[in-house]
N, C-alpha and C. Protein backbone atom coordinates (compact mmCIF):
# COMPACT_ATOMS: atom_id res chain seq x y z
N MET A 1 134.65 202.27 64.73
CA MET A 1 135.25 201.15 64.09
C MET A 1 136.42 201.71 63.40
N ILE A 2 137.69 201.04 63.47
CA ILE A 2 138.78 201.48 62.62
C ILE A 2 138.64 201.23 61.24
N GLY A 3 139.52 201.79 60.39
CA GLY A 3 139.43 201.53 59.07
C GLY A 3 138.85 202.46 58.27
N TYR A 4 138.88 202.29 56.94
CA TYR A 4 138.13 203.46 55.98
C TYR A 4 137.07 202.90 55.22
N TYR A 5 135.96 203.33 55.34
CA TYR A 5 134.74 202.45 54.63
C TYR A 5 134.24 203.43 53.57
N ASN A 6 134.49 202.93 52.35
CA ASN A 6 133.82 203.68 51.20
C ASN A 6 133.94 202.62 50.01
N TYR A 7 133.41 203.05 48.81
CA TYR A 7 133.20 201.94 47.84
C TYR A 7 134.68 201.64 47.15
N THR A 8 135.76 202.36 47.37
CA THR A 8 137.07 202.03 46.67
C THR A 8 137.57 200.69 47.19
N VAL A 9 137.21 200.13 48.36
CA VAL A 9 137.94 199.00 48.76
C VAL A 9 136.90 197.78 48.64
N ILE A 10 135.70 198.07 48.10
CA ILE A 10 134.79 196.99 48.02
C ILE A 10 135.27 195.66 47.25
N LEU A 11 135.92 196.09 45.87
CA LEU A 11 136.37 194.77 45.07
C LEU A 11 137.47 194.14 45.71
N THR A 12 138.23 194.89 46.47
CA THR A 12 139.46 194.15 47.24
C THR A 12 138.95 193.27 48.20
N TYR A 13 137.68 193.69 48.88
CA TYR A 13 137.16 192.81 50.21
C TYR A 13 136.48 191.50 49.34
N VAL A 14 135.80 191.88 48.27
CA VAL A 14 135.20 190.76 47.44
C VAL A 14 136.22 189.67 47.00
N SER A 15 137.28 190.16 46.55
CA SER A 15 138.34 189.36 46.24
C SER A 15 138.94 188.62 47.30
N LEU A 16 138.84 189.19 48.45
CA LEU A 16 139.48 188.27 49.78
C LEU A 16 138.44 187.25 50.15
N VAL A 17 137.20 187.59 50.09
CA VAL A 17 136.12 186.75 50.37
C VAL A 17 136.07 185.39 49.63
N SER A 18 136.24 185.96 48.12
CA SER A 18 136.31 184.86 47.18
C SER A 18 137.29 183.76 47.53
N SER A 19 138.55 184.29 47.85
CA SER A 19 139.83 183.37 48.09
C SER A 19 139.60 182.50 49.30
N VAL A 20 138.90 183.02 50.37
CA VAL A 20 138.73 182.42 51.55
C VAL A 20 137.85 181.19 51.36
N LEU A 21 136.64 181.38 50.50
CA LEU A 21 135.62 180.45 50.14
C LEU A 21 136.72 179.33 49.22
N GLY A 22 137.28 180.00 48.47
CA GLY A 22 138.21 179.05 47.59
C GLY A 22 138.98 178.04 48.42
N MET A 23 139.69 178.68 49.56
CA MET A 23 140.45 177.77 50.44
C MET A 23 139.50 176.59 51.14
N LEU A 24 138.33 177.20 51.43
CA LEU A 24 137.11 176.10 52.19
C LEU A 24 136.82 175.06 51.14
N PHE A 25 136.52 175.30 49.89
CA PHE A 25 136.31 174.37 48.80
C PHE A 25 137.42 173.38 48.84
N ALA A 26 138.58 174.01 48.66
CA ALA A 26 139.93 173.07 48.61
C ALA A 26 139.95 172.05 49.79
N MET A 27 139.56 172.62 50.88
CA MET A 27 140.14 171.68 51.98
C MET A 27 138.90 171.01 52.39
N GLY A 28 137.61 170.99 51.78
CA GLY A 28 136.58 169.99 51.92
C GLY A 28 135.39 170.74 52.59
N ILE A 29 135.00 171.76 52.33
CA ILE A 29 133.75 172.33 52.87
C ILE A 29 132.47 171.45 52.77
N GLY A 30 131.72 171.18 53.65
CA GLY A 30 130.72 170.24 53.70
C GLY A 30 130.88 168.84 53.29
N GLY A 31 132.21 168.40 53.91
CA GLY A 31 132.76 167.12 53.57
C GLY A 31 133.28 166.66 52.25
N SER A 32 133.37 167.66 51.27
CA SER A 32 133.66 167.43 50.03
C SER A 32 134.73 168.23 49.50
N VAL A 33 135.66 167.58 48.84
CA VAL A 33 136.81 168.56 48.28
C VAL A 33 136.57 169.04 46.81
N HIS A 34 136.55 170.22 46.51
CA HIS A 34 136.35 170.52 45.34
C HIS A 34 137.33 171.80 44.74
N PRO A 35 138.25 171.06 44.29
CA PRO A 35 139.55 172.08 43.90
C PRO A 35 139.09 172.93 42.73
N GLU A 36 138.08 172.44 41.95
CA GLU A 36 137.64 173.19 40.88
C GLU A 36 136.88 174.31 41.08
N TYR A 37 136.15 174.33 42.18
CA TYR A 37 135.51 175.48 42.78
C TYR A 37 136.50 176.39 43.32
N ALA A 38 137.46 176.06 43.86
CA ALA A 38 138.70 176.77 44.25
C ALA A 38 139.34 177.64 43.20
N ILE A 39 139.37 176.94 42.22
CA ILE A 39 139.85 177.47 40.79
C ILE A 39 139.23 178.65 40.52
N VAL A 40 137.74 178.50 40.50
CA VAL A 40 137.03 179.57 39.95
C VAL A 40 136.94 180.90 41.06
N CYS A 41 137.02 180.34 42.33
CA CYS A 41 137.28 181.49 43.18
C CYS A 41 138.64 182.28 43.03
N LEU A 42 139.60 181.60 42.67
CA LEU A 42 140.85 182.19 42.29
C LEU A 42 140.70 183.18 40.91
N MET A 43 139.93 182.72 40.20
CA MET A 43 139.61 183.60 38.91
C MET A 43 138.96 184.69 39.18
N VAL A 44 137.69 184.77 40.12
CA VAL A 44 136.95 185.86 40.74
C VAL A 44 137.86 186.82 41.13
N SER A 45 138.86 186.25 42.12
CA SER A 45 139.67 187.01 43.00
C SER A 45 140.63 187.91 41.78
N GLY A 46 141.20 187.31 40.92
CA GLY A 46 141.79 187.98 39.95
C GLY A 46 141.19 189.04 38.99
N LEU A 47 139.89 188.81 38.73
CA LEU A 47 138.90 189.68 38.14
C LEU A 47 138.83 190.92 39.01
N CYS A 48 138.50 190.65 40.28
CA CYS A 48 138.39 191.83 41.22
C CYS A 48 139.63 192.77 41.20
N ASP A 49 140.93 192.05 41.39
CA ASP A 49 142.04 192.70 41.39
C ASP A 49 142.50 193.68 40.25
N MET A 50 141.89 193.23 38.91
CA MET A 50 142.23 193.85 37.98
C MET A 50 141.63 195.17 37.73
N PHE A 51 140.51 195.35 38.54
CA PHE A 51 139.71 196.51 38.50
C PHE A 51 139.66 197.48 39.70
N ASP A 52 140.00 197.07 40.90
CA ASP A 52 140.08 197.84 41.98
C ASP A 52 140.77 199.14 42.07
N GLY A 53 142.00 198.99 41.52
CA GLY A 53 142.57 200.28 41.41
C GLY A 53 142.00 201.40 40.59
N LYS A 54 141.30 200.70 39.32
CA LYS A 54 140.79 202.07 38.59
C LYS A 54 139.44 202.33 39.23
N VAL A 55 138.62 201.56 40.07
CA VAL A 55 137.70 202.00 40.82
C VAL A 55 137.98 202.91 41.89
N ALA A 56 139.00 202.55 42.55
CA ALA A 56 139.56 203.58 43.63
C ALA A 56 139.93 204.96 43.19
N ARG A 57 140.69 205.08 41.80
CA ARG A 57 140.76 206.30 41.39
C ARG A 57 139.75 207.04 40.81
N THR A 58 138.48 206.44 40.87
CA THR A 58 137.35 207.37 40.39
C THR A 58 137.08 208.30 41.53
N LYS A 59 137.42 208.06 42.81
CA LYS A 59 137.02 208.95 44.03
C LYS A 59 137.89 210.00 43.98
N LYS A 60 137.95 211.12 43.62
CA LYS A 60 138.84 212.20 43.40
C LYS A 60 139.04 212.91 44.76
N ASN A 61 138.17 212.86 45.82
CA ASN A 61 138.49 213.45 47.04
C ASN A 61 139.18 212.54 48.16
N ARG A 62 139.83 211.52 47.69
CA ARG A 62 140.39 210.52 48.70
C ARG A 62 141.58 211.57 49.47
N THR A 63 141.63 211.17 50.71
CA THR A 63 142.71 211.52 51.53
C THR A 63 143.84 210.91 51.41
N GLU A 64 145.23 211.12 51.61
CA GLU A 64 146.19 210.56 51.57
C GLU A 64 146.16 209.32 52.41
N SER A 65 145.42 209.38 53.68
CA SER A 65 145.49 208.18 54.37
C SER A 65 144.46 206.99 53.78
N GLU A 66 143.46 207.63 53.11
CA GLU A 66 142.71 206.71 52.41
C GLU A 66 143.36 205.93 51.35
N LYS A 67 144.24 206.87 50.56
CA LYS A 67 144.98 206.08 49.52
C LYS A 67 145.92 205.21 49.94
N GLN A 68 146.51 205.53 51.10
CA GLN A 68 147.66 204.53 51.76
C GLN A 68 146.90 203.40 52.25
N PHE A 69 145.63 203.38 52.68
CA PHE A 69 145.02 202.25 53.25
C PHE A 69 144.62 201.45 52.17
N GLY A 70 144.10 202.03 51.10
CA GLY A 70 143.94 201.15 50.02
C GLY A 70 145.09 200.27 49.42
N ILE A 71 146.18 201.03 49.40
CA ILE A 71 147.41 200.29 48.86
C ILE A 71 147.72 199.11 49.61
N GLN A 72 147.62 199.43 51.05
CA GLN A 72 147.96 198.26 52.19
C GLN A 72 147.07 197.08 52.05
N ILE A 73 145.79 197.58 52.10
CA ILE A 73 144.80 196.35 51.89
C ILE A 73 144.86 195.73 50.91
N ASP A 74 145.11 196.37 49.74
CA ASP A 74 145.19 195.45 48.38
C ASP A 74 146.46 194.57 48.40
N SER A 75 147.56 194.96 48.96
CA SER A 75 148.60 194.00 49.06
C SER A 75 148.39 192.85 49.95
N LEU A 76 147.76 193.20 51.24
CA LEU A 76 147.52 192.13 52.28
C LEU A 76 146.69 191.09 51.75
N CYS A 77 145.52 191.70 51.05
CA CYS A 77 144.69 190.67 50.40
C CYS A 77 145.37 189.91 49.13
N ASP A 78 146.15 190.41 48.48
CA ASP A 78 146.96 189.76 47.40
C ASP A 78 147.56 188.62 47.93
N VAL A 79 148.28 188.76 49.24
CA VAL A 79 149.06 187.61 49.69
C VAL A 79 148.19 186.55 49.95
N ILE A 80 146.91 186.60 50.35
CA ILE A 80 146.08 185.59 50.64
C ILE A 80 145.39 184.93 49.24
N CYS A 81 145.00 185.97 48.31
CA CYS A 81 144.33 185.28 47.16
C CYS A 81 145.13 184.88 46.26
N PHE A 82 146.46 185.33 46.06
CA PHE A 82 147.42 184.88 45.03
C PHE A 82 148.77 184.12 45.56
N GLY A 83 148.97 184.26 46.79
CA GLY A 83 150.07 183.56 47.45
C GLY A 83 149.65 182.39 48.32
N VAL A 84 148.57 182.66 49.01
CA VAL A 84 148.18 181.46 49.68
C VAL A 84 147.40 180.47 49.05
N LEU A 85 146.13 180.86 48.75
CA LEU A 85 145.13 180.06 47.80
C LEU A 85 145.56 178.97 46.94
N PRO A 86 146.66 179.48 46.00
CA PRO A 86 147.25 178.49 45.04
C PRO A 86 147.95 177.29 45.78
N SER A 87 148.68 177.54 46.94
CA SER A 87 149.28 176.46 47.79
C SER A 87 148.29 175.52 48.26
N VAL A 88 147.14 176.07 48.81
CA VAL A 88 146.13 175.37 49.37
C VAL A 88 145.45 174.30 48.26
N ILE A 89 145.43 175.10 47.23
CA ILE A 89 144.93 174.34 46.07
C ILE A 89 145.70 173.05 45.61
N GLY A 90 147.13 173.36 45.83
CA GLY A 90 147.94 172.32 45.47
C GLY A 90 148.11 171.25 46.30
N TYR A 91 147.75 171.48 47.61
CA TYR A 91 147.46 170.50 48.81
C TYR A 91 146.33 169.51 48.35
N SER A 92 145.29 170.49 47.92
CA SER A 92 144.05 169.71 47.67
C SER A 92 144.08 168.69 46.48
N VAL A 93 144.82 169.10 45.53
CA VAL A 93 144.92 168.26 44.29
C VAL A 93 146.07 167.13 44.40
N GLY A 94 146.57 167.06 45.72
CA GLY A 94 147.47 165.87 45.94
C GLY A 94 148.94 166.11 46.06
N MET A 95 149.48 167.38 46.13
CA MET A 95 150.73 167.60 46.67
C MET A 95 151.00 167.45 48.04
N ARG A 96 151.23 166.27 48.45
CA ARG A 96 151.15 165.97 49.94
C ARG A 96 152.59 165.14 50.35
N SER A 97 153.47 164.98 49.34
CA SER A 97 154.43 164.22 49.74
C SER A 97 155.43 165.12 50.33
N TRP A 98 156.50 164.52 50.91
CA TRP A 98 157.68 165.37 51.59
C TRP A 98 158.47 166.41 50.48
N CYS A 99 158.50 165.98 49.48
CA CYS A 99 159.06 166.93 48.41
C CYS A 99 158.07 168.17 47.82
N ASP A 100 156.89 167.78 48.17
CA ASP A 100 155.90 168.77 47.67
C ASP A 100 155.90 170.07 48.69
N ILE A 101 156.14 169.75 49.91
CA ILE A 101 156.05 170.81 51.07
C ILE A 101 156.82 171.88 50.72
N PRO A 102 158.10 171.88 50.36
CA PRO A 102 158.95 172.92 50.16
C PRO A 102 158.34 174.01 48.96
N VAL A 103 157.64 173.35 47.98
CA VAL A 103 157.16 174.00 47.04
C VAL A 103 155.95 174.81 47.41
N LEU A 104 155.22 174.09 48.32
CA LEU A 104 153.79 174.84 48.88
C LEU A 104 154.37 175.96 49.91
N VAL A 105 155.49 175.93 50.42
CA VAL A 105 156.11 176.95 51.35
C VAL A 105 156.69 178.07 50.53
N ILE A 106 157.49 177.57 49.51
CA ILE A 106 158.19 178.67 48.64
C ILE A 106 157.20 179.41 47.93
N PHE A 107 156.37 179.00 47.44
CA PHE A 107 155.22 179.80 46.47
C PHE A 107 154.74 181.16 47.43
N PRO A 108 154.05 180.86 48.31
CA PRO A 108 153.75 182.09 49.17
C PRO A 108 154.69 183.09 49.92
N LEU A 109 155.79 182.53 49.90
CA LEU A 109 157.07 183.36 50.45
C LEU A 109 157.55 184.01 49.30
N CYS A 110 157.62 183.66 48.10
CA CYS A 110 158.11 184.33 46.85
C CYS A 110 156.81 185.37 46.47
N ALA A 111 155.76 185.18 46.70
CA ALA A 111 154.55 185.98 46.54
C ALA A 111 154.67 187.31 47.44
N VAL A 112 155.06 186.96 48.81
CA VAL A 112 155.05 188.22 49.94
C VAL A 112 156.31 188.83 49.36
N ILE A 113 157.45 188.29 49.14
CA ILE A 113 158.64 189.29 48.89
C ILE A 113 158.49 189.95 47.70
N ARG A 114 157.81 189.54 46.71
CA ARG A 114 157.64 190.37 45.49
C ARG A 114 156.70 191.37 45.77
N LEU A 115 155.55 191.29 46.52
CA LEU A 115 154.59 192.05 46.80
C LEU A 115 155.28 193.23 47.87
N ALA A 116 155.93 192.85 48.88
CA ALA A 116 156.56 193.67 49.62
C ALA A 116 157.73 194.86 48.91
N TYR A 117 158.31 194.05 47.89
CA TYR A 117 159.63 194.84 47.19
C TYR A 117 158.60 195.70 46.20
N PHE A 118 157.50 195.37 45.69
CA PHE A 118 156.79 196.46 44.81
C PHE A 118 156.37 197.68 45.66
N ASN A 119 155.72 197.35 46.64
CA ASN A 119 155.46 198.40 47.71
C ASN A 119 156.55 199.41 47.96
N VAL A 120 157.64 198.93 48.08
CA VAL A 120 158.86 199.89 48.56
C VAL A 120 159.27 200.50 47.22
N ALA A 121 159.30 199.78 46.17
CA ALA A 121 159.78 200.39 44.78
C ALA A 121 158.74 201.52 44.34
N GLU A 122 157.31 201.12 44.62
CA GLU A 122 156.36 202.14 44.36
C GLU A 122 156.37 203.54 44.92
N GLU A 123 156.77 203.10 46.33
CA GLU A 123 156.72 204.31 47.26
C GLU A 123 157.95 205.25 46.94
N GLU A 124 159.02 204.75 46.55
CA GLU A 124 160.17 205.52 46.09
C GLU A 124 159.89 206.12 44.73
N ARG A 125 159.24 205.35 43.96
CA ARG A 125 158.86 206.04 42.56
C ARG A 125 158.08 207.12 42.62
N GLN A 126 156.94 207.18 43.58
CA GLN A 126 156.07 208.28 43.68
C GLN A 126 156.68 209.33 44.29
N LYS A 127 157.79 209.36 44.88
CA LYS A 127 158.43 210.53 45.38
C LYS A 127 159.27 211.21 44.18
N GLN A 128 159.43 210.49 43.18
CA GLN A 128 160.13 211.23 41.95
C GLN A 128 159.25 211.53 40.90
N ALA A 129 158.05 210.74 40.60
CA ALA A 129 157.07 210.99 39.78
C ALA A 129 155.74 210.68 40.13
N SER A 130 154.85 211.45 39.50
CA SER A 130 153.56 211.51 39.92
C SER A 130 152.46 210.51 38.74
N ASP A 131 153.16 209.99 37.74
CA ASP A 131 152.33 209.63 37.04
C ASP A 131 152.03 207.91 37.25
N VAL A 132 151.16 207.23 36.64
CA VAL A 132 150.79 205.79 37.00
C VAL A 132 151.85 205.00 36.35
N ARG A 133 152.21 204.17 37.04
CA ARG A 133 153.42 202.85 36.83
C ARG A 133 152.97 202.35 35.46
N LYS A 134 153.89 202.48 34.52
CA LYS A 134 153.59 201.72 33.47
C LYS A 134 154.35 200.39 33.20
N VAL A 135 155.50 200.02 34.09
CA VAL A 135 156.17 198.78 33.75
C VAL A 135 156.27 198.16 35.34
N TYR A 136 156.27 196.85 35.37
CA TYR A 136 156.40 195.92 36.50
C TYR A 136 157.68 195.30 36.51
N GLU A 137 158.42 194.93 37.67
CA GLU A 137 159.42 194.19 37.69
C GLU A 137 159.05 192.83 38.32
N GLY A 138 159.36 191.82 37.75
CA GLY A 138 158.91 190.47 38.19
C GLY A 138 157.55 190.22 37.71
N LEU A 139 157.22 188.86 37.83
CA LEU A 139 155.83 188.50 37.39
C LEU A 139 154.88 188.84 38.52
N PRO A 140 153.86 189.63 37.99
CA PRO A 140 152.77 190.11 38.96
C PRO A 140 152.14 188.86 39.55
N VAL A 141 151.74 188.92 40.77
CA VAL A 141 151.19 187.93 41.52
C VAL A 141 149.64 187.44 40.88
N THR A 142 149.11 188.59 40.43
CA THR A 142 147.59 188.40 40.14
C THR A 142 147.83 187.28 38.68
N SER A 143 148.96 187.11 38.03
CA SER A 143 149.00 186.44 36.91
C SER A 143 148.60 184.98 37.12
N VAL A 144 148.58 184.43 38.35
CA VAL A 144 148.26 183.20 38.66
C VAL A 144 146.79 182.98 38.34
N ALA A 145 146.04 184.02 38.47
CA ALA A 145 144.52 183.87 38.34
C ALA A 145 144.17 183.38 36.75
N LEU A 146 145.18 183.36 35.87
CA LEU A 146 145.13 182.96 34.51
C LEU A 146 145.80 181.74 34.08
N ILE A 147 147.08 181.80 35.00
CA ILE A 147 148.03 180.54 34.64
C ILE A 147 147.51 179.38 35.16
N LEU A 148 147.33 179.30 36.43
CA LEU A 148 146.83 178.08 37.43
C LEU A 148 145.50 177.36 36.65
N PRO A 149 144.37 178.42 36.31
CA PRO A 149 143.26 177.68 35.72
C PRO A 149 143.60 177.02 34.63
N LEU A 150 144.41 177.56 33.80
CA LEU A 150 144.57 176.94 32.47
C LEU A 150 145.55 175.62 32.85
N VAL A 151 146.49 175.44 33.71
CA VAL A 151 146.97 174.54 34.12
C VAL A 151 145.88 173.24 34.54
N TYR A 152 145.26 173.78 35.48
CA TYR A 152 144.14 172.67 36.16
C TYR A 152 143.22 172.34 35.02
N SER A 153 142.96 172.96 34.06
CA SER A 153 141.87 172.52 32.98
C SER A 153 142.40 171.32 32.35
N PHE A 154 143.60 170.93 32.27
CA PHE A 154 144.13 169.83 31.73
C PHE A 154 144.43 168.60 32.77
N HIS A 155 143.89 168.83 34.14
CA HIS A 155 144.17 167.85 35.01
C HIS A 155 143.60 166.48 34.69
N ARG A 156 142.78 166.39 34.11
CA ARG A 156 142.14 165.04 33.82
C ARG A 156 142.92 164.33 32.56
N ASP A 157 143.39 165.15 31.79
CA ASP A 157 144.03 164.74 30.53
C ASP A 157 145.62 164.20 31.17
N ILE A 158 145.94 164.96 32.09
CA ILE A 158 147.19 164.58 32.61
C ILE A 158 147.27 163.40 33.56
N GLY A 159 146.05 163.19 34.27
CA GLY A 159 145.94 162.18 35.11
C GLY A 159 146.19 162.46 36.60
N ILE A 160 145.30 161.87 37.47
CA ILE A 160 145.44 162.02 38.96
C ILE A 160 146.90 161.92 39.55
N GLU A 161 147.49 160.71 38.99
CA GLU A 161 148.89 160.47 39.49
C GLU A 161 149.94 161.56 39.06
N TRP A 162 149.96 161.98 37.93
CA TRP A 162 150.73 163.16 37.46
C TRP A 162 150.57 164.53 37.60
N PHE A 163 149.37 164.77 37.82
CA PHE A 163 148.86 166.08 37.72
C PHE A 163 149.69 166.89 39.27
N PRO A 164 149.62 166.37 40.21
CA PRO A 164 150.33 167.14 41.40
C PRO A 164 151.67 167.45 41.05
N THR A 165 152.25 166.79 40.53
CA THR A 165 153.73 166.93 39.79
C THR A 165 153.78 168.10 39.01
N VAL A 166 152.87 168.08 38.05
CA VAL A 166 152.71 169.21 36.93
C VAL A 166 152.35 170.58 37.65
N TYR A 167 151.37 170.42 38.45
CA TYR A 167 150.97 171.49 39.17
C TYR A 167 152.06 172.28 40.10
N GLY A 168 152.69 171.27 40.75
CA GLY A 168 153.85 171.76 41.52
C GLY A 168 154.99 172.28 40.85
N CYS A 169 155.28 171.82 39.56
CA CYS A 169 156.21 172.41 38.93
C CYS A 169 155.61 173.83 38.23
N ALA A 170 154.60 174.04 38.09
CA ALA A 170 153.92 175.13 37.51
C ALA A 170 153.93 176.28 38.92
N LEU A 171 153.73 175.97 40.20
CA LEU A 171 153.75 176.74 41.23
C LEU A 171 155.43 177.08 41.33
N PHE A 172 156.42 176.17 41.09
CA PHE A 172 157.75 176.68 41.49
C PHE A 172 158.21 177.65 40.36
N ILE A 173 157.93 177.16 39.17
CA ILE A 173 158.22 178.16 37.98
C ILE A 173 157.72 179.82 38.17
N ILE A 174 156.42 179.77 38.55
CA ILE A 174 155.85 180.94 38.88
C ILE A 174 156.48 181.90 39.85
N ALA A 175 156.67 180.79 41.16
CA ALA A 175 157.36 181.44 42.35
C ALA A 175 158.98 182.08 41.79
N VAL A 176 159.43 181.48 41.18
CA VAL A 176 160.92 182.14 40.80
C VAL A 176 160.63 183.30 39.85
N ALA A 177 159.72 183.27 38.98
CA ALA A 177 159.24 184.45 38.25
C ALA A 177 158.77 185.55 39.05
N PHE A 178 158.15 185.39 40.05
CA PHE A 178 157.76 186.36 41.00
C PHE A 178 159.12 187.31 41.21
N ILE A 179 160.14 186.81 41.65
CA ILE A 179 161.40 187.33 42.38
C ILE A 179 162.42 187.58 41.32
N THR A 180 162.32 187.25 40.10
CA THR A 180 163.18 187.47 39.00
C THR A 180 163.18 188.71 38.39
N ARG A 181 164.41 189.42 38.15
CA ARG A 181 164.44 190.86 37.84
C ARG A 181 164.19 191.04 36.22
N PHE A 182 162.89 190.86 35.87
CA PHE A 182 162.68 191.34 34.50
C PHE A 182 161.48 192.08 34.46
N ARG A 183 161.38 192.88 33.34
CA ARG A 183 160.30 193.93 33.16
C ARG A 183 159.17 193.44 32.45
N VAL A 184 157.95 193.66 32.81
CA VAL A 184 156.68 193.37 32.39
C VAL A 184 155.73 194.66 32.10
N LYS A 185 155.37 195.01 30.92
CA LYS A 185 154.66 196.00 30.65
C LYS A 185 153.29 196.03 31.26
N LYS A 186 152.77 197.15 32.00
CA LYS A 186 151.59 197.10 32.52
C LYS A 186 150.43 196.96 31.70
N PRO A 187 149.49 195.84 31.68
CA PRO A 187 148.45 195.79 30.67
C PRO A 187 147.64 197.08 30.45
N SER A 188 147.19 197.29 29.28
CA SER A 188 146.31 198.43 29.05
C SER A 188 144.83 198.00 29.21
N MET A 189 144.01 198.66 29.10
CA MET A 189 142.43 198.52 29.07
C MET A 189 142.10 197.28 28.16
N LYS A 190 142.77 197.57 27.00
CA LYS A 190 142.35 196.51 25.82
C LYS A 190 142.94 195.09 26.02
N THR A 191 144.17 195.18 26.75
CA THR A 191 144.66 193.94 27.12
C THR A 191 144.16 193.20 28.25
N MET A 192 143.51 194.16 29.12
CA MET A 192 142.83 193.39 30.21
C MET A 192 141.53 192.84 29.90
N ILE A 193 140.91 193.61 28.90
CA ILE A 193 139.64 192.80 28.32
C ILE A 193 140.04 191.48 27.71
N THR A 194 141.07 191.67 27.08
CA THR A 194 141.52 190.30 26.41
C THR A 194 141.83 189.11 27.45
N PHE A 195 142.43 189.41 28.62
CA PHE A 195 142.64 188.65 29.81
C PHE A 195 141.21 188.11 30.27
N ILE A 196 140.27 189.03 30.37
CA ILE A 196 139.00 188.49 30.88
C ILE A 196 138.34 187.57 29.71
N GLY A 197 138.60 187.73 28.67
CA GLY A 197 138.03 186.86 27.55
C GLY A 197 138.86 185.54 27.60
N VAL A 198 140.05 185.61 27.89
CA VAL A 198 140.80 184.30 27.96
C VAL A 198 140.38 183.54 29.33
N GLY A 199 140.25 184.29 30.41
CA GLY A 199 139.70 183.57 31.49
C GLY A 199 138.32 182.94 31.31
N PHE A 200 137.58 183.58 30.66
CA PHE A 200 136.10 183.11 30.27
C PHE A 200 136.32 181.81 29.47
N ILE A 201 137.14 181.81 28.37
CA ILE A 201 137.18 180.67 27.69
C ILE A 201 137.68 179.56 28.69
N GLU A 202 138.80 179.85 29.62
CA GLU A 202 139.34 178.81 30.38
C GLU A 202 138.28 178.37 31.31
N LEU A 203 137.32 179.16 31.90
CA LEU A 203 136.24 178.57 32.57
C LEU A 203 135.28 177.93 31.89
N VAL A 204 134.89 178.05 30.78
CA VAL A 204 134.05 177.35 30.06
C VAL A 204 134.89 176.06 29.77
N TRP A 205 135.95 176.03 29.33
CA TRP A 205 136.73 174.79 29.07
C TRP A 205 136.76 173.90 30.16
N MET A 206 136.92 174.54 31.35
CA MET A 206 137.04 173.65 32.63
C MET A 206 135.76 173.06 32.92
N LEU A 207 134.67 173.74 32.86
CA LEU A 207 133.26 173.35 33.23
C LEU A 207 133.00 172.28 32.21
N TYR A 208 133.52 172.24 31.11
CA TYR A 208 132.99 171.43 30.05
C TYR A 208 133.87 170.04 30.18
N LYS A 209 135.10 170.15 30.69
CA LYS A 209 135.95 168.92 31.10
C LYS A 209 135.30 168.27 32.24
N THR A 210 134.82 169.13 33.21
CA THR A 210 134.28 168.62 34.41
C THR A 210 132.93 167.79 34.11
N LYS A 211 132.11 168.43 33.47
CA LYS A 211 130.94 167.73 32.90
C LYS A 211 130.95 166.42 32.21
N THR A 212 131.99 166.36 31.36
CA THR A 212 132.22 165.12 30.52
C THR A 212 133.28 164.27 31.07
N ARG A 213 133.37 164.17 32.35
CA ARG A 213 134.28 163.45 32.96
C ARG A 213 133.99 162.03 33.07
């Protein structure tokens, strides 16, 4: 079987599986549409992505081919998890008019551009330095795993009629941020733990709002 099979890619694969399940929930698996479950799957993918690189670096005897495979598989999965899934959720929550379609298309396109640019820039950087990257250019695609759940948690307060517009505006702003040249400091472990705490609060808030609808 082709590929490289070790524990360093497990979290990346879990992230992908979670996102595919999220798409199925968003499109109506079992006959019922559940965008809220899709949002939870997005959050799970984001959690996995936060730590897959750190887990991979614990394997000290990785070959160069294994390292490159991990980098490629991570980017490919990120396209699906944080590029395609948010657009599918958008369609699920009501973005179905002619003016919504460009946003649903532009979002994954910008995610792909940002990921491809990052890969090229990182390869060039590693030729000149061996340290771990400390600064990103553009908004990292994984940020949607925190931003969109927060937006979705207010969908009942905003109302069914207006929420697709709000969600669409959020997608467009995020898409532009993906490809805008500004610098973002890579989060430290303390910051990542804070993100997890924020994500947990968002999840509890969203479940509470769903239960009290």
